[in-house]
C-alpha atoms as a PDB file:
ATOM      1  CA  UNK A   1     -49.621 308.607  34.945  1.00  0.00           C
ATOM      2  CA  UNK A   2     -47.545 305.905  33.295  1.00  0.00           C
ATOM      3  CA  UNK A   3     -49.266 303.073  31.382  1.00  0.00           C
ATOM      4  CA  UNK A   4     -47.893 300.508  33.843  1.00  0.00           C
ATOM      5  CA  UNK A   5     -49.514 302.236  36.820  1.00  0.00           C
ATOM      6  CA  UNK A   6     -52.822 302.554  34.961  1.00  0.00           C
ATOM      7  CA  UNK A   7     -52.742 298.851  34.112  1.00  0.00           C
ATOM      8  CA  UNK A   8     -52.013 297.928  37.745  1.00  0.00           C
ATOM      9  CA  UNK A   9     -54.860 300.173  38.931  1.00  0.00           C
ATOM     10  CA  UNK A  10     -57.255 298.495  36.488  1.00  0.00           C
ATOM     11  CA  UNK A  11     -56.132 295.047  37.651  1.00  0.00           C
ATOM     12  CA  UNK A  12     -56.692 296.048  41.281  1.00  0.00           C
ATOM     13  CA  UNK A  13     -60.180 297.342  40.475  1.00  0.00           C
ATOM     14  CA  UNK A  14     -61.116 294.165  38.596  1.00  0.00           C
ATOM     15  CA  UNK A  15     -59.832 291.668  41.125  1.00  0.00           C
ATOM     16  CA  UNK A  16     -61.230 293.623  44.063  1.00  0.00           C
ATOM     17  CA  UNK A  17     -64.642 293.748  42.380  1.00  0.00           C
ATOM     18  CA  UNK A  18     -64.423 290.031  41.554  1.00  0.00           C
ATOM     19  CA  UNK A  19     -63.415 288.929  45.061  1.00  0.00           C
ATOM     20  CA  UNK A  20     -66.006 291.098  46.774  1.00  0.00           C
ATOM     21  CA  UNK A  21     -68.695 289.831  44.368  1.00  0.00           C
ATOM     22  CA  UNK A  22     -67.796 286.242  45.248  1.00  0.00           C
ATOM     23  CA  UNK A  23     -67.889 287.114  48.958  1.00  0.00           C
ATOM     24  CA  UNK A  24     -71.296 288.730  48.414  1.00  0.00           C
ATOM     25  CA  UNK A  25     -72.610 285.601  46.695  1.00  0.00           C
ATOM     26  CA  UNK A  26     -71.285 283.312  49.432  1.00  0.00           C
ATOM     27  CA  UNK A  27     -72.595 285.351  52.368  1.00  0.00           C
ATOM     28  CA  UNK A  28     -75.923 286.266  50.757  1.00  0.00           C
ATOM     29  CA  UNK A  29     -77.686 283.417  52.549  1.00  0.00           C
ATOM     30  CA  UNK A  30     -76.900 284.714  56.062  1.00  0.00           C
ATOM     31  CA  UNK A  31     -80.416 285.875  56.931  1.00  0.00           C
ATOM     32  CA  UNK A  32     -80.377 284.769  60.569  1.00  0.00           C
ATOM     33  CA  UNK A  33     -80.697 287.857  62.790  1.00  0.00           C
ATOM     34  CA  UNK A  34     -80.571 289.987  59.602  1.00  0.00           C
ATOM     35  CA  UNK A  35     -76.811 289.417  59.328  1.00  0.00           C
ATOM     36  CA  UNK A  36     -77.122 289.634  55.558  1.00  0.00           C
ATOM     37  CA  UNK A  37     -77.708 293.388  55.811  1.00  0.00           C
ATOM     38  CA  UNK A  38     -74.495 293.851  57.800  1.00  0.00           C
ATOM     39  CA  UNK A  39     -72.202 291.240  56.272  1.00  0.00           C
ATOM     40  CA  UNK A  40     -73.181 290.896  52.639  1.00  0.00           C
ATOM     41  CA  UNK A  41     -74.870 294.076  51.430  1.00  0.00           C
ATOM     42  CA  UNK A  42     -72.011 296.547  52.141  1.00  0.00           C
ATOM     43  CA  UNK A  43     -69.533 294.244  50.414  1.00  0.00           C
ATOM     44  CA  UNK A  44     -71.867 294.010  47.420  1.00  0.00           C
ATOM     45  CA  UNK A  45     -71.968 297.795  47.232  1.00  0.00           C
ATOM     46  CA  UNK A  46     -68.169 297.961  47.423  1.00  0.00           C
ATOM     47  CA  UNK A  47     -68.039 295.427  44.603  1.00  0.00           C
ATOM     48  CA  UNK A  48     -70.403 297.582  42.550  1.00  0.00           C
ATOM     49  CA  UNK A  49     -68.216 300.638  43.177  1.00  0.00           C
ATOM     50  CA  UNK A  50     -65.020 298.915  42.030  1.00  0.00           C
ATOM     51  CA  UNK A  51     -66.854 297.349  39.074  1.00  0.00           C
ATOM     52  CA  UNK A  52     -68.086 300.758  37.929  1.00  0.00           C
ATOM     53  CA  UNK A  53     -64.677 302.404  38.300  1.00  0.00           C
ATOM     54  CA  UNK A  54     -62.865 299.561  36.564  1.00  0.00           C
ATOM     55  CA  UNK A  55     -65.399 299.173  33.766  1.00  0.00           C
ATOM     56  CA  UNK A  56     -65.203 302.856  32.903  1.00  0.00           C
ATOM     57  CA  UNK A  57     -61.386 303.032  32.898  1.00  0.00           C
ATOM     58  CA  UNK A  58     -60.214 299.629  31.678  1.00  0.00           C
ATOM     59  CA  UNK A  59     -59.716 298.707  28.042  1.00  0.00           C
ATOM     60  CA  UNK A  60     -60.460 295.012  28.756  1.00  0.00           C
ATOM     61  CA  UNK A  61     -64.202 295.503  29.211  1.00  0.00           C
ATOM     62  CA  UNK A  62     -65.201 291.908  28.393  1.00  0.00           C
ATOM     63  CA  UNK A  63     -63.826 290.551  31.656  1.00  0.00           C
ATOM     64  CA  UNK A  64     -66.241 292.716  33.640  1.00  0.00           C
ATOM     65  CA  UNK A  65     -69.246 290.748  32.342  1.00  0.00           C
ATOM     66  CA  UNK A  66     -68.782 287.934  34.866  1.00  0.00           C
ATOM     67  CA  UNK A  67     -69.215 290.138  37.944  1.00  0.00           C
ATOM     68  CA  UNK A  68     -72.939 290.972  37.406  1.00  0.00           C
ATOM     69  CA  UNK A  69     -73.589 287.245  36.910  1.00  0.00           C
ATOM     70  CA  UNK A  70     -72.076 286.566  40.331  1.00  0.00           C
ATOM     71  CA  UNK A  71     -74.258 289.321  41.824  1.00  0.00           C
ATOM     72  CA  UNK A  72     -77.386 287.815  40.283  1.00  0.00           C
ATOM     73  CA  UNK A  73     -76.521 284.402  41.704  1.00  0.00           C
ATOM     74  CA  UNK A  74     -76.007 285.971  45.133  1.00  0.00           C
ATOM     75  CA  UNK A  75     -79.302 287.842  44.966  1.00  0.00           C
ATOM     76  CA  UNK A  76     -81.200 284.723  43.876  1.00  0.00           C
ATOM     77  CA  UNK A  77     -79.648 282.684  46.694  1.00  0.00           C
ATOM     78  CA  UNK A  78     -80.451 285.440  49.164  1.00  0.00           C
ATOM     79  CA  UNK A  79     -84.102 285.679  48.112  1.00  0.00           C
ATOM     80  CA  UNK A  80     -84.512 281.894  48.073  1.00  0.00           C
ATOM     81  CA  UNK A  81     -83.100 281.523  51.594  1.00  0.00           C
ATOM     82  CA  UNK A  82     -85.223 284.411  52.864  1.00  0.00           C
ATOM     83  CA  UNK A  83     -88.404 282.877  51.426  1.00  0.00           C
ATOM     84  CA  UNK A  84     -87.480 279.495  52.913  1.00  0.00           C
ATOM     85  CA  UNK A  85     -86.862 281.006  56.335  1.00  0.00           C
ATOM     86  CA  UNK A  86     -90.110 282.975  56.262  1.00  0.00           C
ATOM     87  CA  UNK A  87     -92.175 279.950  55.219  1.00  0.00           C
ATOM     88  CA  UNK A  88     -90.540 277.489  57.596  1.00  0.00           C
ATOM     89  CA  UNK A  89     -90.893 279.535  60.777  1.00  0.00           C
END
């Protein structure tokens, strides 16, 4: 495979992982009717898949450090909203 195609594939993996991680963090608070399990969790797993593939193949490994931070923020928001909903009802 040519170096240009490999670089494009790595860019696609990174940006797909980044966008799906941001979507995961935004939708992590959707705990009404357990929508979080349908809307957010599968996208987070897709983000993890692209992050793993890209991190293993890309030479620019430093840029992949931001994606786990976004996941952690999403998980913390999700847990905080779930605790709030359980205590308020």
